[in-house]
Amino acid sequence: MKAINAVRMGGVDVLPLVEGGKGVSVSTGASAGAWAAAGGAGTVSIVNADSYDEAGHPVPQIYHGRTRRERHEELVDYAIRGGIAQAQIAHEAAGGQGRIHANILWEMGSAERVITGVLEGAKGLIHGLTCGAGMPYRLSEIAATYGVYYYPIVSSARAFNALWKRAYSKTSDLLGGVVYEDPWRAGGHNGLSNTEDPLKPEDPYPRVAALRKLMRSFGLDETPIIMAGGVWWLEEWEDWIDNPELGPIVFQFGTRPLLTKESPVPDAWKQRLLTLKKGDVYLNRFSPTGFYSSAVNNSFLQELRGRSERQVAFSPEPLGAHDVAYGVGARKREVFVTADDLAHIRGWEAQGYTEAMRTPDSTLIFVTSDRAREITADQVACMGCLSECKFSNWSQRGPSYTNGHKADPRSFCIQKTLQTVAHTSGPEADEVVDNNLMFGGTNAWRFGSDPFYSNGFVPTVRQLVDRIMTGR
């Protein structure tokens, strides 16, 4: 195994190990600070992070506003206060070692306001900004305003080329690194393009080599590329280390820090990770963001898949084969379906899926009456956690604060499920973990086969970093 040496990143020498950011109370100051203290770059999420009361208890994010716009303002306030709190915790835990980065989704609701609010309130505590889930053109400008480094997340050389030419070339001195997030292997939201097949993963090496070639044409020979997604044992990536074609490479770990003592996720989540088998992580497109995302294929995703499978097209008037009347809702408003689809509908109704819900694509999905009430309540309670949301039809771009489309019941409230899964403990935790979204990289199944975790061993962050540095 080659020696794993420090790299120059963000103006200092650090271990070539980055903790990947995971939003909504998962990448916390405790975890990020411990990672930095071990010599790498730790990442706090400022996506609706927890803040704390005087007793040190997390402040529940409860919304009182009567309108979506009012609740959105509450959300921004929670996010700024939480981001500042986590940055302070990380700074203290790091003890002056490593780097502390802050991660945000560009398509988070009012992302720019949250970033600037956190940087104002945590001056000197955050060394770098990591940002993806969209095309964050203004990231470099914000970083320059506050004198911090920036780390855009891309999934192709083409995406970085667009960012560089439009904005980043003006602030190249603060470009700390470029995160290549593999769209087939990384956990959470991924940047698969319309031309890429989610079922046919591509080798990351040629894609990263193409990114480096592009960066060299811009004079970015020594700017690190951070490989994110699918990294487990560095021994498996030995040909990437000190490779002249790739240049400086740093490795990012997002899923593995979930299973550490500093990780805030419930014990039930940690134990579930130890039981995963190959193929248990599912690349899906149910997210209200419209992006593909990688998550554990639990009952939550299975229920979403069932909604889309119980789906038929309809016409508001007789048209071609859609000539059989069907009544929708309590008032039985008439639409028209095919005779074959009516037979499917009767079968679903016999199984208890009696409620038809319209989608933006002129289709009906069929769910139970309890699920229909839950979906409607979640849509009504929207607080605008995304810049645009398919599930609730929210858009932060006024004046109507809607995206102009019908709300889509095939998706879900991502804020609700991520808050629930991150904060539930006790006897009901196993059920909650199975019935809410659990993001994870495609290599998460390796927890159960890696001897490091034998007998259910849960390491500290430092123990994990030390283990990674051995190559195995």
Protein backbone atom coordinates (compact mmCIF):
# COMPACT_ATOMS: atom_id res chain seq x y z
CA MET A 1 0.00 0.00 0.00
CA LYS A 2 1.33 3.43 -0.96
CA ALA A 3 1.90 5.99 1.74
CA ILE A 4 -1.07 8.29 2.25
CA ASN A 5 0.40 11.76 2.58
CA ALA A 6 -1.07 15.11 3.54
CA VAL A 7 -2.30 17.41 0.79
CA ARG A 8 -2.53 21.18 0.55
CA MET A 9 -6.18 22.13 0.76
CA GLY A 10 -7.79 25.34 1.92
CA GLY A 11 -4.39 26.92 2.58
CA VAL A 12 -3.12 24.23 4.98
CA ASP A 13 -1.79 20.68 4.91
CA VAL A 14 -4.41 18.11 5.94
CA LEU A 15 -4.95 14.40 5.60
CA PRO A 16 -6.57 13.63 2.22
CA LEU A 17 -9.79 12.62 3.98
CA VAL A 18 -13.02 14.61 3.97
CA GLU A 19 -16.19 13.87 5.89
CA GLY A 20 -19.06 14.24 3.44
CA GLY A 21 -21.92 16.54 4.36
CA LYS A 22 -25.29 15.01 5.21
CA GLY A 23 -28.17 17.38 5.78
CA VAL A 24 -30.89 17.80 8.41
CA SER A 25 -29.18 17.10 11.74
CA VAL A 26 -26.85 14.29 10.58
CA SER A 27 -23.54 16.04 9.83
CA THR A 28 -23.21 17.82 13.15
CA GLY A 29 -20.51 19.83 14.87
CA ALA A 30 -19.58 16.89 17.08
CA SER A 31 -18.86 14.61 14.12
CA ALA A 32 -17.20 17.30 11.97
CA GLY A 33 -15.08 18.58 14.82
CA ALA A 34 -13.86 15.09 15.64
CA TRP A 35 -12.96 14.48 11.99
CA ALA A 36 -10.97 17.74 11.87
CA ALA A 37 -9.29 16.92 15.16
CA ALA A 38 -8.09 13.68 13.57
CA GLY A 39 -6.38 15.73 10.86
CA GLY A 40 -8.88 15.80 7.99
CA ALA A 41 -11.65 18.14 6.86
CA GLY A 42 -14.89 17.75 8.81
CA THR A 43 -18.19 18.97 7.41
CA VAL A 44 -21.16 20.44 9.24
CA SER A 45 -24.46 20.58 7.42
CA ILE A 46 -26.25 23.91 7.50
CA VAL A 47 -29.38 22.38 5.98
CA ASN A 48 -31.85 22.85 8.84
CA ALA A 49 -29.30 21.93 11.47
CA ASP A 50 -30.20 21.65 15.14
CA SER A 51 -29.86 24.56 17.53
CA TYR A 52 -30.07 24.11 21.30
CA ASP A 53 -31.81 25.59 24.32
CA GLU A 54 -30.05 26.68 27.51
CA ALA A 55 -30.12 23.11 28.84
CA GLY A 56 -28.42 21.81 25.72
CA HIS A 57 -31.48 20.09 24.26
CA PRO A 58 -32.25 20.36 20.53
CA VAL A 59 -34.86 23.00 19.79
CA PRO A 60 -37.81 21.31 18.00
CA GLN A 61 -38.44 22.89 14.62
CA ILE A 62 -42.15 23.60 15.01
CA TYR A 63 -43.87 25.96 12.59
CA HIS A 64 -46.57 28.40 13.64
CA GLY A 65 -47.03 30.52 10.50
CA ARG A 66 -50.43 30.44 8.83
CA THR A 67 -49.03 30.66 5.30
CA ARG A 68 -46.22 28.86 3.51
CA ARG A 69 -44.35 32.13 3.21
CA GLU A 70 -44.56 32.75 6.96
CA ARG A 71 -43.40 29.20 7.71
CA HIS A 72 -40.56 29.62 5.22
CA GLU A 73 -39.27 32.60 7.19
CA GLU A 74 -39.32 30.46 10.34
CA LEU A 75 -37.37 27.75 8.50
CA VAL A 76 -34.67 30.22 7.43
CA ASP A 77 -34.34 31.42 11.03
CA TYR A 78 -34.03 27.83 12.32
CA ALA A 79 -31.42 27.04 9.66
CA ILE A 80 -29.23 30.05 10.44
CA ARG A 81 -29.34 29.51 14.20
CA GLY A 82 -28.66 25.79 13.76
CA GLY A 83 -25.78 26.35 11.35
CA ILE A 84 -24.10 28.79 13.73
CA ALA A 85 -24.54 26.39 16.67
CA GLN A 86 -23.00 23.46 14.77
CA ALA A 87 -20.07 25.58 13.54
CA GLN A 88 -19.33 26.61 17.13
CA ILE A 89 -19.41 22.99 18.34
CA ALA A 90 -17.18 21.85 15.48
CA HIS A 91 -14.66 24.63 16.09
CA GLU A 92 -14.33 23.73 19.77
CA ALA A 93 -14.08 20.00 19.11
CA ALA A 94 -11.43 20.44 16.38
CA GLY A 95 -9.01 22.12 18.76
CA GLY A 96 -7.36 24.05 15.95
CA GLN A 97 -6.64 20.94 13.88
CA GLY A 98 -7.77 20.14 10.32
CA ARG A 99 -10.44 22.13 8.53
CA ILE A 100 -14.12 22.78 9.18
CA HIS A 101 -16.34 22.98 6.10
CA ALA A 102 -20.03 23.85 5.89
CA ASN A 103 -22.25 22.05 3.40
CA ILE A 104 -25.47 23.34 1.89
CA LEU A 105 -27.72 22.39 -0.99
CA TRP A 106 -28.00 25.13 -3.60
CA GLU A 107 -31.62 24.13 -4.15
CA MET A 108 -32.44 24.47 -0.46
CA GLY A 109 -35.04 27.13 0.19
CA SER A 110 -33.33 30.56 0.49
CA ALA A 111 -29.89 28.92 0.37
CA GLU A 112 -28.04 32.21 -0.12
CA ARG A 113 -29.71 33.80 2.89
CA VAL A 114 -28.84 30.80 5.03
CA ILE A 115 -25.20 30.70 3.89
CA THR A 116 -24.64 34.40 4.52
CA GLY A 117 -26.51 34.30 7.83
CA VAL A 118 -24.37 31.44 9.12
CA LEU A 119 -21.10 32.98 7.90
CA GLU A 120 -22.04 36.29 9.56
CA GLY A 121 -22.80 34.58 12.86
CA ALA A 122 -19.85 32.16 12.81
CA LYS A 123 -17.04 34.38 11.51
CA GLY A 124 -13.67 32.65 11.61
CA LEU A 125 -15.14 29.27 12.52
CA ILE A 126 -15.77 27.93 9.00
CA HIS A 127 -12.88 27.45 6.57
CA GLY A 128 -14.74 26.29 3.48
CA LEU A 129 -18.13 26.03 1.78
CA THR A 130 -19.20 22.84 0.03
CA CYS A 131 -22.21 23.12 -2.23
CA GLY A 132 -24.04 20.99 -4.77
CA ALA A 133 -27.59 19.95 -5.71
CA GLY A 134 -27.82 22.43 -8.52
CA MET A 135 -25.42 24.84 -10.22
CA PRO A 136 -24.12 27.18 -7.47
CA TYR A 137 -22.76 29.97 -9.64
CA ARG A 138 -22.76 32.50 -6.79
CA LEU A 139 -20.85 30.24 -4.40
CA SER A 140 -17.50 31.83 -5.29
CA GLU A 141 -18.85 35.34 -4.81
CA ILE A 142 -20.22 34.49 -1.37
CA ALA A 143 -16.95 32.78 -0.41
CA ALA A 144 -14.96 35.84 -1.49
CA THR A 145 -17.15 38.16 0.56
CA TYR A 146 -16.32 36.21 3.73
CA GLY A 147 -12.77 35.13 2.86
CA VAL A 148 -13.41 31.39 2.93
CA TYR A 149 -12.56 28.67 0.42
CA TYR A 150 -15.23 27.06 -1.72
CA TYR A 151 -15.70 23.48 -2.92
CA PRO A 152 -18.32 23.01 -5.65
CA ILE A 153 -19.82 19.54 -6.04
CA VAL A 154 -20.05 18.32 -9.63
CA SER A 155 -20.62 14.99 -11.34
CA SER A 156 -18.88 15.75 -14.62
CA ALA A 157 -16.23 17.92 -16.24
CA ARG A 158 -19.00 19.56 -18.25
CA ALA A 159 -20.68 20.89 -15.10
CA PHE A 160 -17.42 22.36 -13.77
CA ASN A 161 -16.69 23.95 -17.13
CA ALA A 162 -19.98 25.85 -16.97
CA LEU A 163 -19.34 26.99 -13.39
CA TRP A 164 -15.77 28.09 -14.16
CA LYS A 165 -16.58 30.09 -17.25
CA ARG A 166 -19.58 31.83 -15.76
CA ALA A 167 -18.21 32.64 -12.30
CA TYR A 168 -15.34 30.73 -10.70
CA SER A 169 -12.58 32.02 -12.99
CA LYS A 170 -12.99 35.39 -11.26
CA THR A 171 -12.20 33.93 -7.81
CA SER A 172 -9.79 31.11 -8.57
CA ASP A 173 -7.54 31.82 -5.58
CA LEU A 174 -10.27 30.67 -3.16
CA LEU A 175 -11.17 27.47 -5.03
CA GLY A 176 -10.07 24.99 -2.37
CA GLY A 177 -10.98 21.87 -4.34
CA VAL A 178 -13.53 20.35 -6.66
CA VAL A 179 -15.73 17.55 -5.34
CA TYR A 180 -16.45 14.88 -7.93
CA GLU A 181 -19.57 13.18 -6.57
CA ASP A 182 -20.11 9.96 -8.46
CA PRO A 183 -23.78 9.93 -9.54
CA TRP A 184 -24.08 6.14 -9.26
CA ARG A 185 -22.20 5.51 -6.00
CA ALA A 186 -22.66 8.47 -3.65
CA GLY A 187 -25.42 8.63 -1.06
CA GLY A 188 -28.15 11.25 -1.01
CA HIS A 189 -29.04 13.36 -4.04
CA ASN A 190 -27.00 12.64 -7.15
CA GLY A 191 -26.33 14.49 -10.38
CA LEU A 192 -27.34 11.99 -13.04
CA SER A 193 -27.98 13.74 -16.33
CA ASN A 194 -30.74 12.84 -18.78
CA THR A 195 -28.17 11.12 -21.01
CA GLU A 196 -26.87 8.81 -18.26
CA ASP A 197 -28.47 5.48 -17.40
CA PRO A 198 -29.07 5.03 -13.64
CA LEU A 199 -28.78 1.26 -14.13
CA LYS A 200 -25.40 1.41 -15.89
CA PRO A 201 -22.69 2.82 -13.59
CA GLU A 202 -19.66 4.26 -15.36
CA ASP A 203 -16.08 3.84 -14.19
CA PRO A 204 -15.22 7.01 -12.22
CA TYR A 205 -11.56 7.07 -13.30
CA PRO A 206 -12.11 8.35 -16.89
CA ARG A 207 -14.62 10.91 -15.63
CA VAL A 208 -12.20 12.24 -13.00
CA ALA A 209 -9.31 12.17 -15.48
CA ALA A 210 -11.43 14.30 -17.83
CA LEU A 211 -12.16 16.71 -14.99
CA ARG A 212 -8.45 17.03 -14.19
CA LYS A 213 -7.59 17.61 -17.86
CA LEU A 214 -10.14 20.44 -17.96
CA MET A 215 -8.87 21.92 -14.69
CA ARG A 216 -5.29 21.90 -16.00
CA SER A 217 -6.43 23.91 -19.00
CA PHE A 218 -7.56 26.54 -16.48
CA GLY A 219 -4.25 26.43 -14.57
CA LEU A 220 -5.69 24.37 -11.70
CA ASP A 221 -2.98 21.72 -11.70
CA GLU A 222 -2.58 21.59 -7.90
CA THR A 223 -6.20 22.16 -6.89
CA PRO A 224 -7.34 18.88 -5.29
CA ILE A 225 -10.13 16.79 -6.72
CA ILE A 226 -12.19 15.21 -3.95
CA MET A 227 -13.47 11.77 -4.94
CA ALA A 228 -16.88 11.19 -3.34
CA GLY A 229 -18.95 8.04 -3.64
CA GLY A 230 -18.03 4.40 -3.34
CA VAL A 231 -14.78 4.86 -1.41
CA TRP A 232 -14.28 2.27 1.34
CA TRP A 233 -10.77 0.78 1.62
CA LEU A 234 -8.11 3.10 0.18
CA GLU A 235 -6.19 0.00 -0.85
CA GLU A 236 -8.83 -0.35 -3.57
CA TRP A 237 -7.95 3.14 -4.84
CA GLU A 238 -4.17 2.77 -4.69
CA ASP A 239 -3.76 3.54 -8.39
CA TRP A 240 -5.38 6.95 -7.77
CA ILE A 241 -2.81 7.96 -5.12
CA ASP A 242 0.21 9.91 -6.46
CA ASN A 243 -1.12 9.39 -9.96
CA PRO A 244 0.34 12.05 -12.29
CA GLU A 245 -2.68 11.90 -14.61
CA LEU A 246 -5.10 12.68 -11.78
CA GLY A 247 -2.97 15.07 -9.73
CA PRO A 248 -3.80 15.74 -6.07
CA ILE A 249 -6.68 13.48 -4.96
CA VAL A 250 -8.61 13.61 -1.69
CA PHE A 251 -11.17 10.99 -0.66
CA GLN A 252 -14.56 11.80 0.80
CA PHE A 253 -16.52 9.54 3.15
CA GLY A 254 -20.19 10.28 3.64
CA THR A 255 -21.84 7.03 4.67
CA ARG A 256 -19.09 5.61 6.90
CA PRO A 257 -19.18 8.45 9.50
CA LEU A 258 -22.83 7.53 10.16
CA LEU A 259 -21.56 4.52 12.11
CA THR A 260 -19.40 6.26 14.70
CA LYS A 261 -19.90 7.13 18.34
CA GLU A 262 -20.04 10.85 17.47
CA SER A 263 -22.69 10.31 14.82
CA PRO A 264 -26.04 11.69 16.04
CA VAL A 265 -28.26 9.24 14.15
CA PRO A 266 -30.39 6.90 16.32
CA ASP A 267 -28.94 3.55 17.38
CA ALA A 268 -31.65 1.82 15.35
CA TRP A 269 -30.25 3.48 12.21
CA LYS A 270 -26.72 2.39 13.11
CA GLN A 271 -27.83 -1.18 13.71
CA ARG A 272 -29.74 -1.20 10.42
CA LEU A 273 -26.54 -0.29 8.60
CA LEU A 274 -24.84 -3.38 10.01
CA THR A 275 -27.54 -5.63 8.53
CA LEU A 276 -27.56 -4.31 4.94
CA LYS A 277 -26.89 -6.67 2.06
CA LYS A 278 -25.55 -5.84 -1.40
CA GLY A 279 -28.34 -4.24 -3.41
CA ASP A 280 -30.18 -2.89 -0.35
CA VAL A 281 -29.45 0.70 -1.37
CA TYR A 282 -31.79 1.91 -4.10
CA LEU A 283 -31.21 4.68 -6.65
CA ASN A 284 -34.63 6.28 -7.08
CA ARG A 285 -36.35 9.38 -8.42
CA PHE A 286 -39.07 9.94 -5.85
CA SER A 287 -37.38 12.98 -4.29
CA PRO A 288 -39.38 16.23 -4.44
CA THR A 289 -36.22 17.92 -5.74
CA GLY A 290 -36.50 16.08 -9.06
CA PHE A 291 -32.97 14.67 -8.62
CA TYR A 292 -32.14 11.00 -8.35
CA SER A 293 -31.21 9.98 -4.83
CA SER A 294 -29.59 6.97 -3.20
CA ALA A 295 -31.24 5.54 -0.09
CA VAL A 296 -31.87 2.29 1.79
CA ASN A 297 -34.64 0.28 0.13
CA ASN A 298 -36.83 0.09 3.24
CA SER A 299 -40.61 0.17 3.69
CA PHE A 300 -40.62 3.93 3.04
CA LEU A 301 -39.27 3.57 -0.50
CA GLN A 302 -41.35 0.46 -1.12
CA GLU A 303 -44.51 2.40 -0.29
CA LEU A 304 -43.50 5.17 -2.69
CA ARG A 305 -42.83 2.61 -5.40
CA GLY A 306 -46.26 1.13 -4.77
CA ARG A 307 -47.93 4.51 -5.27
CA SER A 308 -46.42 4.87 -8.73
CA GLU A 309 -47.23 1.27 -9.65
CA ARG A 310 -50.90 1.80 -8.78
CA GLN A 311 -51.26 4.46 -11.45
CA VAL A 312 -53.43 4.94 -14.51
CA ALA A 313 -53.78 7.68 -17.10
CA PHE A 314 -57.08 9.52 -17.36
CA SER A 315 -58.80 11.97 -19.67
CA PRO A 316 -61.23 14.70 -18.52
CA GLU A 317 -63.52 13.70 -21.40
CA PRO A 318 -64.02 10.58 -23.53
CA LEU A 319 -61.04 10.28 -25.82
CA GLY A 320 -60.02 7.21 -27.80
CA ALA A 321 -59.69 4.16 -25.55
CA HIS A 322 -60.26 6.37 -22.49
CA ASP A 323 -64.03 6.03 -22.74
CA VAL A 324 -65.01 4.43 -19.42
CA ALA A 325 -66.27 6.82 -16.74
CA TYR A 326 -64.79 6.78 -13.23
CA GLY A 327 -65.71 9.03 -10.30
CA VAL A 328 -62.84 10.68 -8.37
CA GLY A 329 -63.09 11.95 -4.80
CA ALA A 330 -65.99 12.44 -2.44
CA ARG A 331 -67.96 14.25 -5.13
CA LYS A 332 -67.20 11.53 -7.70
CA ARG A 333 -66.06 13.99 -10.33
CA GLU A 334 -66.09 12.13 -13.59
CA VAL A 335 -62.96 11.31 -15.56
CA PHE A 336 -62.40 8.67 -18.22
CA VAL A 337 -60.05 5.68 -18.17
CA THR A 338 -59.59 2.61 -20.32
CA ALA A 339 -61.60 -0.54 -19.65
CA ASP A 340 -58.40 -2.43 -18.75
CA ASP A 341 -57.35 0.28 -16.28
CA LEU A 342 -60.80 0.25 -14.66
CA ALA A 343 -60.25 -3.44 -13.97
CA HIS A 344 -56.92 -2.57 -12.31
CA ILE A 345 -58.63 0.14 -10.25
CA ARG A 346 -61.29 -2.28 -8.99
CA GLY A 347 -58.56 -4.69 -7.95
CA TRP A 348 -56.68 -1.98 -6.03
CA GLU A 349 -59.88 -0.82 -4.35
CA ALA A 350 -60.52 -4.39 -3.20
CA GLN A 351 -57.08 -4.31 -1.53
CA GLY A 352 -57.96 -1.13 0.38
CA TYR A 353 -56.41 1.45 -2.00
CA THR A 354 -59.67 3.31 -2.37
CA GLU A 355 -58.50 6.92 -2.70
CA ALA A 356 -57.61 8.29 -6.14
CA MET A 357 -55.20 11.25 -6.19
CA ARG A 358 -54.44 13.32 -9.28
CA THR A 359 -50.87 13.92 -10.42
CA PRO A 360 -49.46 16.71 -12.64
CA ASP A 361 -49.16 14.19 -15.49
CA SER A 362 -52.90 13.53 -15.89
CA THR A 363 -52.71 10.25 -14.04
CA LEU A 364 -54.36 8.91 -10.92
CA ILE A 365 -52.57 7.04 -8.15
CA PHE A 366 -54.41 4.88 -5.63
CA VAL A 367 -53.65 4.89 -1.91
CA THR A 368 -55.43 4.07 1.33
CA SER A 369 -57.66 6.72 2.89
CA ASP A 370 -55.18 7.17 5.77
CA ARG A 371 -52.31 7.70 3.35
CA ALA A 372 -54.35 10.18 1.30
CA ARG A 373 -55.06 12.24 4.43
CA GLU A 374 -51.38 12.17 5.38
CA ILE A 375 -50.24 13.25 1.91
CA THR A 376 -52.73 16.13 1.84
CA ALA A 377 -51.80 17.27 5.36
CA ASP A 378 -48.10 17.22 4.53
CA GLN A 379 -48.69 19.27 1.38
CA VAL A 380 -50.72 21.84 3.30
CA ALA A 381 -48.03 22.08 6.03
CA CYS A 382 -45.25 22.91 3.52
CA MET A 383 -42.64 25.32 4.88
CA GLY A 384 -40.65 25.78 1.68
CA CYS A 385 -37.53 23.80 2.56
CA LEU A 386 -36.58 23.61 -1.15
CA SER A 387 -36.31 26.37 -3.71
CA GLU A 388 -38.93 24.40 -5.64
CA CYS A 389 -40.80 21.30 -4.51
CA LYS A 390 -42.68 18.84 -6.70
CA PHE A 391 -44.55 17.34 -3.77
CA SER A 392 -46.20 20.53 -2.49
CA ASN A 393 -45.78 22.74 -5.63
CA TRP A 394 -43.96 25.36 -3.51
CA SER A 395 -41.59 27.79 -5.22
CA GLN A 396 -39.63 30.49 -3.41
CA ARG A 397 -39.82 32.60 -6.54
CA GLY A 398 -42.94 34.72 -5.98
CA PRO A 399 -45.39 36.26 -6.36
CA SER A 400 -47.63 33.20 -5.95
CA TYR A 401 -44.97 30.95 -4.33
CA THR A 402 -46.04 27.98 -6.45
CA ASN A 403 -44.20 26.30 -9.32
CA GLY A 404 -47.25 26.49 -11.58
CA HIS A 405 -47.90 22.74 -11.49
CA LYS A 406 -50.26 20.55 -9.54
CA ALA A 407 -48.77 19.11 -6.33
CA ASP A 408 -47.44 15.59 -6.93
CA PRO A 409 -48.65 12.90 -4.48
CA ARG A 410 -46.11 10.41 -5.86
CA SER A 411 -43.38 12.23 -3.92
CA PHE A 412 -43.09 13.10 -0.20
CA CYS A 413 -42.24 15.84 2.32
CA ILE A 414 -38.48 15.48 2.59
CA GLN A 415 -38.17 17.86 5.55
CA LYS A 416 -40.67 15.88 7.60
CA THR A 417 -39.14 12.45 6.99
CA LEU A 418 -35.52 13.54 7.53
CA GLN A 419 -36.36 15.34 10.76
CA THR A 420 -38.28 12.31 11.97
CA VAL A 421 -35.62 9.71 11.20
CA ALA A 422 -32.84 11.85 12.71
CA HIS A 423 -34.59 12.63 16.00
CA THR A 424 -36.51 9.51 17.00
CA SER A 425 -35.15 7.18 19.65
CA GLY A 426 -36.59 4.66 22.07
CA PRO A 427 -38.83 1.63 21.48
CA GLU A 428 -40.43 3.03 18.31
CA ALA A 429 -37.10 3.80 16.60
CA ASP A 430 -36.89 0.54 14.63
CA GLU A 431 -40.29 1.20 13.06
CA VAL A 432 -39.45 4.85 12.40
CA VAL A 433 -36.18 3.95 10.69
CA ASP A 434 -37.98 1.49 8.41
CA ASN A 435 -40.73 3.93 7.52
CA ASN A 436 -38.69 7.04 6.77
CA LEU A 437 -36.00 8.06 4.31
CA MET A 438 -32.53 6.68 5.08
CA PHE A 439 -29.97 8.11 2.66
CA GLY A 440 -26.89 5.97 2.03
CA GLY A 441 -24.17 5.31 -0.51
CA THR A 442 -24.28 2.14 -2.59
CA ASN A 443 -21.41 0.66 -0.56
CA ALA A 444 -23.34 0.84 2.72
CA TRP A 445 -23.80 -2.95 2.62
CA ARG A 446 -20.09 -3.29 3.37
CA PHE A 447 -20.60 -2.43 7.04
CA GLY A 448 -21.82 -5.99 7.50
CA SER A 449 -18.85 -7.61 5.74
CA ASP A 450 -15.95 -5.39 6.84
CA PRO A 451 -14.12 -7.10 9.75
CA PHE A 452 -13.56 -3.67 11.31
CA TYR A 453 -17.22 -3.72 12.38
CA SER A 454 -17.30 -7.34 13.56
CA ASN A 455 -19.45 -8.05 16.62
CA GLY A 456 -21.27 -4.78 16.06
CA PHE A 457 -18.24 -2.59 16.79
CA VAL A 458 -18.98 1.14 16.53
CA PRO A 459 -15.75 3.19 16.37
CA THR A 460 -15.04 6.75 17.36
CA VAL A 461 -14.31 9.12 14.49
CA ARG A 462 -10.59 9.03 15.32
CA GLN A 463 -10.59 5.23 15.28
CA LEU A 464 -12.32 5.31 11.89
CA VAL A 465 -9.83 7.83 10.46
CA ASP A 466 -6.90 5.77 11.79
CA ARG A 467 -8.39 2.67 10.18
CA ILE A 468 -8.89 4.42 6.83
CA MET A 469 -5.28 5.59 6.89
CA THR A 470 -4.08 1.97 7.01
CA GLY A 471 -5.60 1.49 3.58
CA ARG A 472 -7.85 -1.31 4.84
